[in-house]
Amino acid sequence: DLPATFEYVHDQTRQKLHYVGHSQGTLVALAAFSKDQQLDKLRSAALLCPIAYVGQMTSQVAKKAADNFIAETLYKLGVFEFSLKGGSVVKFLKDMCAGTSIDCTNLFTSFTGPNCCVNPSLINTFLDHEPQPSATKNVIHLSQMIREGTVSMFDYENQDENIRHYGQSTPPIYDMTSLPNELPLFVSYGGADALSDVKD
């Protein structure tokens, strides 16, 4: 979606864009920028709660879900949309929480870490809109990166499929060192975010 969005805005305005991304929106942008994509239409980028490397995240729920191949299992069962409001995903998460020492009484906090600034009276309103559903295949990709500690393209876990998509047996890694030094880039993180860990 990112190239189409950039193209549309650029075509309408005939101006270079200021990009603001949050969480996965930062990963998508960094992946594109590392491949020299969209840079000709970009003036600057602000990355809020950035994720790229996710191997050191402190979210125990996200790590357990990745380590236990939850997204892969759901996909094999025919669940192609990963929604924390959907029955299949919620059941898996409840089962996972019951079998571990993770306190899942507040699933939002269990995923993202303690939040100083979301008033408890507003949490239900917030949860009416977030988190948004995602393709289960997307969650599989994030799980692969959590397990491997790399920023790589989707692993089809089949050499022939990887060769068909990438021309090589393993998925290519996004080279974050190839981001241009002259790109005006603002990176901001909260410091206690369990998904956007400072070390990563």
C-alpha atoms as a PDB file:
ATOM      1  CA  ASP A   1       0.000   0.000   0.000  1.00  0.00           C
ATOM      2  CA  LEU A   2       2.846   2.427   0.712  1.00  0.00           C
ATOM      3  CA  PRO A   3       3.950   2.945  -2.916  1.00  0.00           C
ATOM      4  CA  ALA A   4       0.327   3.459  -4.021  1.00  0.00           C
ATOM      5  CA  THR A   5      -0.274   5.955  -1.204  1.00  0.00           C
ATOM      6  CA  PHE A   6       2.903   7.902  -1.997  1.00  0.00           C
ATOM      7  CA  GLU A   7       2.036   7.890  -5.689  1.00  0.00           C
ATOM      8  CA  TYR A   8      -1.508   9.120  -5.096  1.00  0.00           C
ATOM      9  CA  VAL A   9      -0.547  11.972  -2.762  1.00  0.00           C
ATOM     10  CA  HIS A  10       2.357  12.996  -4.979  1.00  0.00           C
ATOM     11  CA  ASP A  11       0.154  12.966  -8.092  1.00  0.00           C
ATOM     12  CA  GLN A  12      -2.478  15.098  -6.363  1.00  0.00           C
ATOM     13  CA  THR A  13      -0.111  17.652  -4.812  1.00  0.00           C
ATOM     14  CA  ARG A  14       2.905  17.539  -7.139  1.00  0.00           C
ATOM     15  CA  GLN A  15       5.004  17.936  -4.003  1.00  0.00           C
ATOM     16  CA  LYS A  16       7.348  15.726  -2.042  1.00  0.00           C
ATOM     17  CA  LEU A  17       5.823  14.222   1.076  1.00  0.00           C
ATOM     18  CA  HIS A  18       6.492  14.404   4.784  1.00  0.00           C
ATOM     19  CA  TYR A  19       5.838  10.854   5.991  1.00  0.00           C
ATOM     20  CA  VAL A  20       4.686  10.072   9.537  1.00  0.00           C
ATOM     21  CA  GLY A  21       4.598   6.419  10.515  1.00  0.00           C
ATOM     22  CA  HIS A  22       3.700   4.682  13.766  1.00  0.00           C
ATOM     23  CA  SER A  23       4.827   1.211  14.846  1.00  0.00           C
ATOM     24  CA  GLN A  24       4.350  -1.081  11.833  1.00  0.00           C
ATOM     25  CA  GLY A  25       4.035   2.019   9.645  1.00  0.00           C
ATOM     26  CA  THR A  26       7.676   2.698  10.483  1.00  0.00           C
ATOM     27  CA  LEU A  27       8.755  -0.822   9.509  1.00  0.00           C
ATOM     28  CA  VAL A  28       7.013  -0.550   6.151  1.00  0.00           C
ATOM     29  CA  ALA A  29       8.690   2.801   5.496  1.00  0.00           C
ATOM     30  CA  LEU A  30      12.168   1.667   6.591  1.00  0.00           C
ATOM     31  CA  ALA A  31      11.892  -1.411   4.374  1.00  0.00           C
ATOM     32  CA  ALA A  32      10.953   0.744   1.369  1.00  0.00           C
ATOM     33  CA  PHE A  33      13.583   3.401   2.079  1.00  0.00           C
ATOM     34  CA  SER A  34      16.307   0.765   2.528  1.00  0.00           C
ATOM     35  CA  LYS A  35      15.532  -0.432  -1.005  1.00  0.00           C
ATOM     36  CA  ASP A  36      15.664   3.126  -2.352  1.00  0.00           C
ATOM     37  CA  GLN A  37      11.908   3.099  -2.913  1.00  0.00           C
ATOM     38  CA  GLN A  38       9.797   6.260  -2.597  1.00  0.00           C
ATOM     39  CA  LEU A  39      12.816   8.414  -1.713  1.00  0.00           C
ATOM     40  CA  ASP A  40      12.323  10.537  -4.827  1.00  0.00           C
ATOM     41  CA  LYS A  41       8.890  11.550  -3.466  1.00  0.00           C
ATOM     42  CA  LEU A  42       9.991  12.065   0.150  1.00  0.00           C
ATOM     43  CA  ARG A  43      10.992  15.276   1.946  1.00  0.00           C
ATOM     44  CA  SER A  44      11.301  13.840   5.459  1.00  0.00           C
ATOM     45  CA  ALA A  45      10.065  11.040   7.692  1.00  0.00           C
ATOM     46  CA  ALA A  46       8.970  10.982  11.324  1.00  0.00           C
ATOM     47  CA  LEU A  47       8.937   7.502  12.843  1.00  0.00           C
ATOM     48  CA  LEU A  48       6.975   7.144  16.082  1.00  0.00           C
ATOM     49  CA  CYS A  49       7.423   4.011  18.223  1.00  0.00           C
ATOM     50  CA  PRO A  50       9.574   2.577  15.440  1.00  0.00           C
ATOM     51  CA  ILE A  51       9.974  -1.104  14.859  1.00  0.00           C
ATOM     52  CA  ALA A  52      12.426  -2.777  12.554  1.00  0.00           C
ATOM     53  CA  TYR A  53      14.446  -5.295  14.510  1.00  0.00           C
ATOM     54  CA  VAL A  54      12.000  -6.876  16.925  1.00  0.00           C
ATOM     55  CA  GLY A  55      14.089  -9.691  18.361  1.00  0.00           C
ATOM     56  CA  GLN A  56      14.654  -7.984  21.719  1.00  0.00           C
ATOM     57  CA  MET A  57      11.125  -6.748  22.380  1.00  0.00           C
ATOM     58  CA  THR A  58       9.986  -7.234  25.955  1.00  0.00           C
ATOM     59  CA  SER A  59       6.324  -8.060  25.207  1.00  0.00           C
ATOM     60  CA  GLN A  60       5.964 -11.553  26.610  1.00  0.00           C
ATOM     61  CA  VAL A  61       2.605 -12.051  24.876  1.00  0.00           C
ATOM     62  CA  ALA A  62       4.066 -11.200  21.456  1.00  0.00           C
ATOM     63  CA  LYS A  63       7.133 -13.381  22.086  1.00  0.00           C
ATOM     64  CA  LYS A  64       5.047 -16.337  23.274  1.00  0.00           C
ATOM     65  CA  ALA A  65       2.709 -15.996  20.294  1.00  0.00           C
ATOM     66  CA  ALA A  66       5.693 -15.947  17.909  1.00  0.00           C
ATOM     67  CA  ASP A  67       7.552 -18.783  19.645  1.00  0.00           C
ATOM     68  CA  ASN A  68       4.421 -20.945  19.641  1.00  0.00           C
ATOM     69  CA  PHE A  69       3.649 -20.271  15.959  1.00  0.00           C
ATOM     70  CA  ILE A  70       0.163 -18.979  16.835  1.00  0.00           C
ATOM     71  CA  ALA A  71      -0.256 -17.010  13.575  1.00  0.00           C
ATOM     72  CA  GLU A  72       0.941 -19.960  11.492  1.00  0.00           C
ATOM     73  CA  THR A  73      -1.524 -22.262  13.257  1.00  0.00           C
ATOM     74  CA  LEU A  74      -4.399 -19.848  12.696  1.00  0.00           C
ATOM     75  CA  TYR A  75      -3.478 -19.538   9.014  1.00  0.00           C
ATOM     76  CA  LYS A  76      -3.471 -23.332   8.602  1.00  0.00           C
ATOM     77  CA  LEU A  77      -6.905 -23.403  10.241  1.00  0.00           C
ATOM     78  CA  GLY A  78      -8.207 -20.976   7.628  1.00  0.00           C
ATOM     79  CA  VAL A  79      -8.116 -17.793   9.730  1.00  0.00           C
ATOM     80  CA  PHE A  80      -6.730 -15.275   7.244  1.00  0.00           C
ATOM     81  CA  GLU A  81      -7.567 -12.106   9.195  1.00  0.00           C
ATOM     82  CA  PHE A  82      -5.842 -11.637  12.538  1.00  0.00           C
ATOM     83  CA  SER A  83      -8.154  -9.615  14.753  1.00  0.00           C
ATOM     84  CA  LEU A  84      -7.895  -9.286  18.510  1.00  0.00           C
ATOM     85  CA  LYS A  85     -11.650  -8.888  18.415  1.00  0.00           C
ATOM     86  CA  GLY A  86     -12.168 -12.084  16.421  1.00  0.00           C
ATOM     87  CA  GLY A  87     -13.241 -15.294  18.111  1.00  0.00           C
ATOM     88  CA  SER A  88     -10.436 -17.612  16.924  1.00  0.00           C
ATOM     89  CA  VAL A  89      -7.604 -15.240  17.823  1.00  0.00           C
ATOM     90  CA  VAL A  90      -9.129 -14.330  21.200  1.00  0.00           C
ATOM     91  CA  LYS A  91      -9.572 -18.031  22.052  1.00  0.00           C
ATOM     92  CA  PHE A  92      -5.925 -18.764  21.187  1.00  0.00           C
ATOM     93  CA  LEU A  93      -4.744 -15.820  23.274  1.00  0.00           C
ATOM     94  CA  LYS A  94      -6.900 -16.838  26.242  1.00  0.00           C
ATOM     95  CA  ASP A  95      -5.559 -20.386  26.047  1.00  0.00           C
ATOM     96  CA  MET A  96      -1.996 -19.072  25.829  1.00  0.00           C
ATOM     97  CA  CYS A  97      -2.506 -16.742  28.788  1.00  0.00           C
ATOM     98  CA  ALA A  98      -4.016 -19.545  30.862  1.00  0.00           C
ATOM     99  CA  GLY A  99      -0.975 -21.729  30.252  1.00  0.00           C
ATOM    100  CA  THR A 100       1.686 -19.162  31.188  1.00  0.00           C
ATOM    101  CA  SER A 101       2.595 -16.768  33.963  1.00  0.00           C
ATOM    102  CA  ILE A 102       1.662 -13.779  31.785  1.00  0.00           C
ATOM    103  CA  ASP A 103      -0.976 -11.516  33.337  1.00  0.00           C
ATOM    104  CA  CYS A 104      -3.462 -11.097  30.506  1.00  0.00           C
ATOM    105  CA  THR A 105      -6.163  -9.354  32.534  1.00  0.00           C
ATOM    106  CA  ASN A 106      -5.417  -6.259  30.489  1.00  0.00           C
ATOM    107  CA  LEU A 107      -4.469  -7.614  27.079  1.00  0.00           C
ATOM    108  CA  PHE A 108      -3.559  -4.155  25.788  1.00  0.00           C
ATOM    109  CA  THR A 109      -0.953  -3.674  28.536  1.00  0.00           C
ATOM    110  CA  SER A 110       0.207  -7.281  28.158  1.00  0.00           C
ATOM    111  CA  PHE A 111       1.086  -6.593  24.509  1.00  0.00           C
ATOM    112  CA  THR A 112       2.433  -3.067  24.654  1.00  0.00           C
ATOM    113  CA  GLY A 113       3.710  -2.648  28.214  1.00  0.00           C
ATOM    114  CA  PRO A 114       2.562  -0.282  30.935  1.00  0.00           C
ATOM    115  CA  ASN A 115       1.021   2.915  29.651  1.00  0.00           C
ATOM    116  CA  CYS A 116       1.277   6.017  31.770  1.00  0.00           C
ATOM    117  CA  CYS A 117      -0.898   8.210  29.642  1.00  0.00           C
ATOM    118  CA  VAL A 118      -4.029   6.357  28.605  1.00  0.00           C
ATOM    119  CA  ASN A 119      -6.677   7.169  31.170  1.00  0.00           C
ATOM    120  CA  PRO A 120      -8.362   3.919  32.326  1.00  0.00           C
ATOM    121  CA  SER A 121     -11.787   5.454  31.693  1.00  0.00           C
ATOM    122  CA  LEU A 122     -10.808   5.953  28.033  1.00  0.00           C
ATOM    123  CA  ILE A 123      -9.359   2.493  27.444  1.00  0.00           C
ATOM    124  CA  ASN A 124     -12.659   1.019  26.173  1.00  0.00           C
ATOM    125  CA  THR A 125     -13.074   3.876  23.709  1.00  0.00           C
ATOM    126  CA  PHE A 126      -9.491   3.349  22.574  1.00  0.00           C
ATOM    127  CA  LEU A 127     -10.010  -0.393  22.188  1.00  0.00           C
ATOM    128  CA  ASP A 128     -13.117   0.228  20.055  1.00  0.00           C
ATOM    129  CA  HIS A 129     -10.719   1.518  17.378  1.00  0.00           C
ATOM    130  CA  GLU A 130      -7.420  -0.233  18.100  1.00  0.00           C
ATOM    131  CA  PRO A 131      -5.790  -2.537  17.391  1.00  0.00           C
ATOM    132  CA  GLN A 132      -6.924  -2.831  13.805  1.00  0.00           C
ATOM    133  CA  PRO A 133      -7.133  -6.262  12.191  1.00  0.00           C
ATOM    134  CA  SER A 134      -4.308  -7.388   9.963  1.00  0.00           C
ATOM    135  CA  ALA A 135      -3.752 -10.181   7.502  1.00  0.00           C
ATOM    136  CA  THR A 136      -2.672 -13.303   9.364  1.00  0.00           C
ATOM    137  CA  LYS A 137       0.163 -13.628   6.851  1.00  0.00           C
ATOM    138  CA  ASN A 138       1.407 -10.228   8.038  1.00  0.00           C
ATOM    139  CA  VAL A 139       1.429 -11.457  11.643  1.00  0.00           C
ATOM    140  CA  ILE A 140       3.315 -14.566  10.496  1.00  0.00           C
ATOM    141  CA  HIS A 141       5.930 -12.272   8.946  1.00  0.00           C
ATOM    142  CA  LEU A 142       6.293 -10.277  12.182  1.00  0.00           C
ATOM    143  CA  SER A 143       6.531 -13.541  14.135  1.00  0.00           C
ATOM    144  CA  GLN A 144       9.331 -14.727  11.850  1.00  0.00           C
ATOM    145  CA  MET A 145      11.262 -11.508  12.520  1.00  0.00           C
ATOM    146  CA  ILE A 146      10.709 -11.824  16.292  1.00  0.00           C
ATOM    147  CA  ARG A 147      12.039 -15.398  16.268  1.00  0.00           C
ATOM    148  CA  GLU A 148      14.967 -14.674  13.927  1.00  0.00           C
ATOM    149  CA  GLY A 149      15.893 -11.191  15.168  1.00  0.00           C
ATOM    150  CA  THR A 150      16.265 -10.003  11.566  1.00  0.00           C
ATOM    151  CA  VAL A 151      14.504  -7.535   9.298  1.00  0.00           C
ATOM    152  CA  SER A 152      13.891  -9.729   6.298  1.00  0.00           C
ATOM    153  CA  MET A 153      11.234 -10.319   3.717  1.00  0.00           C
ATOM    154  CA  PHE A 154       8.531 -12.926   4.282  1.00  0.00           C
ATOM    155  CA  ASP A 155       9.909 -16.459   4.532  1.00  0.00           C
ATOM    156  CA  TYR A 156       7.713 -18.901   2.620  1.00  0.00           C
ATOM    157  CA  GLU A 157       9.558 -21.662   4.502  1.00  0.00           C
ATOM    158  CA  ASN A 158       9.923 -23.479   1.219  1.00  0.00           C
ATOM    159  CA  GLN A 159      13.061 -23.053  -0.874  1.00  0.00           C
ATOM    160  CA  ASP A 160      11.193 -23.299  -4.170  1.00  0.00           C
ATOM    161  CA  GLU A 161       8.679 -20.629  -3.121  1.00  0.00           C
ATOM    162  CA  ASN A 162      11.433 -18.338  -1.850  1.00  0.00           C
ATOM    163  CA  ILE A 163      13.321 -18.792  -5.137  1.00  0.00           C
ATOM    164  CA  ARG A 164      10.138 -18.062  -7.094  1.00  0.00           C
ATOM    165  CA  HIS A 165       9.539 -14.823  -5.166  1.00  0.00           C
ATOM    166  CA  TYR A 166      13.097 -13.642  -4.505  1.00  0.00           C
ATOM    167  CA  GLY A 167      15.423 -15.541  -6.809  1.00  0.00           C
ATOM    168  CA  GLN A 168      17.155 -17.126  -3.802  1.00  0.00           C
ATOM    169  CA  SER A 169      16.388 -19.888  -1.324  1.00  0.00           C
ATOM    170  CA  THR A 170      16.161 -17.627   1.730  1.00  0.00           C
ATOM    171  CA  PRO A 171      14.325 -14.318   2.038  1.00  0.00           C
ATOM    172  CA  PRO A 172      16.457 -11.208   1.477  1.00  0.00           C
ATOM    173  CA  ILE A 173      17.279  -9.041   4.478  1.00  0.00           C
ATOM    174  CA  TYR A 174      16.405  -5.350   4.410  1.00  0.00           C
ATOM    175  CA  ASP A 175      19.699  -3.483   4.776  1.00  0.00           C
ATOM    176  CA  MET A 176      18.977  -0.632   7.190  1.00  0.00           C
ATOM    177  CA  THR A 177      22.538   0.660   6.761  1.00  0.00           C
ATOM    178  CA  SER A 178      21.620   1.618   3.198  1.00  0.00           C
ATOM    179  CA  LEU A 179      19.254   4.367   4.377  1.00  0.00           C
ATOM    180  CA  PRO A 180      20.654   7.583   2.896  1.00  0.00           C
ATOM    181  CA  ASN A 181      22.447   9.831   5.393  1.00  0.00           C
ATOM    182  CA  GLU A 182      20.873  12.920   3.846  1.00  0.00           C
ATOM    183  CA  LEU A 183      17.308  11.718   4.549  1.00  0.00           C
ATOM    184  CA  PRO A 184      15.758  13.970   7.236  1.00  0.00           C
ATOM    185  CA  LEU A 185      14.630  11.309   9.693  1.00  0.00           C
ATOM    186  CA  PHE A 186      13.062  11.882  13.116  1.00  0.00           C
ATOM    187  CA  VAL A 187      12.840   8.820  15.363  1.00  0.00           C
ATOM    188  CA  SER A 188      10.912   8.942  18.629  1.00  0.00           C
ATOM    189  CA  TYR A 189      10.198   6.201  21.134  1.00  0.00           C
ATOM    190  CA  GLY A 190       8.640   6.079  24.590  1.00  0.00           C
ATOM    191  CA  GLY A 191      11.341   4.102  26.376  1.00  0.00           C
ATOM    192  CA  ALA A 192       8.938   1.676  28.078  1.00  0.00           C
ATOM    193  CA  ASP A 193       7.248   0.353  24.940  1.00  0.00           C
ATOM    194  CA  ALA A 194       7.241  -3.455  25.045  1.00  0.00           C
ATOM    195  CA  LEU A 195       6.992  -3.703  21.239  1.00  0.00           C
ATOM    196  CA  SER A 196       9.322  -0.882  20.188  1.00  0.00           C
ATOM    197  CA  ASP A 197      12.255  -1.765  22.398  1.00  0.00           C
ATOM    198  CA  VAL A 198      15.090   0.751  22.690  1.00  0.00           C
ATOM    199  CA  LYS A 199      17.742  -1.940  22.040  1.00  0.00           C
ATOM    200  CA  ASP A 200      16.044  -2.951  18.784  1.00  0.00           C
END
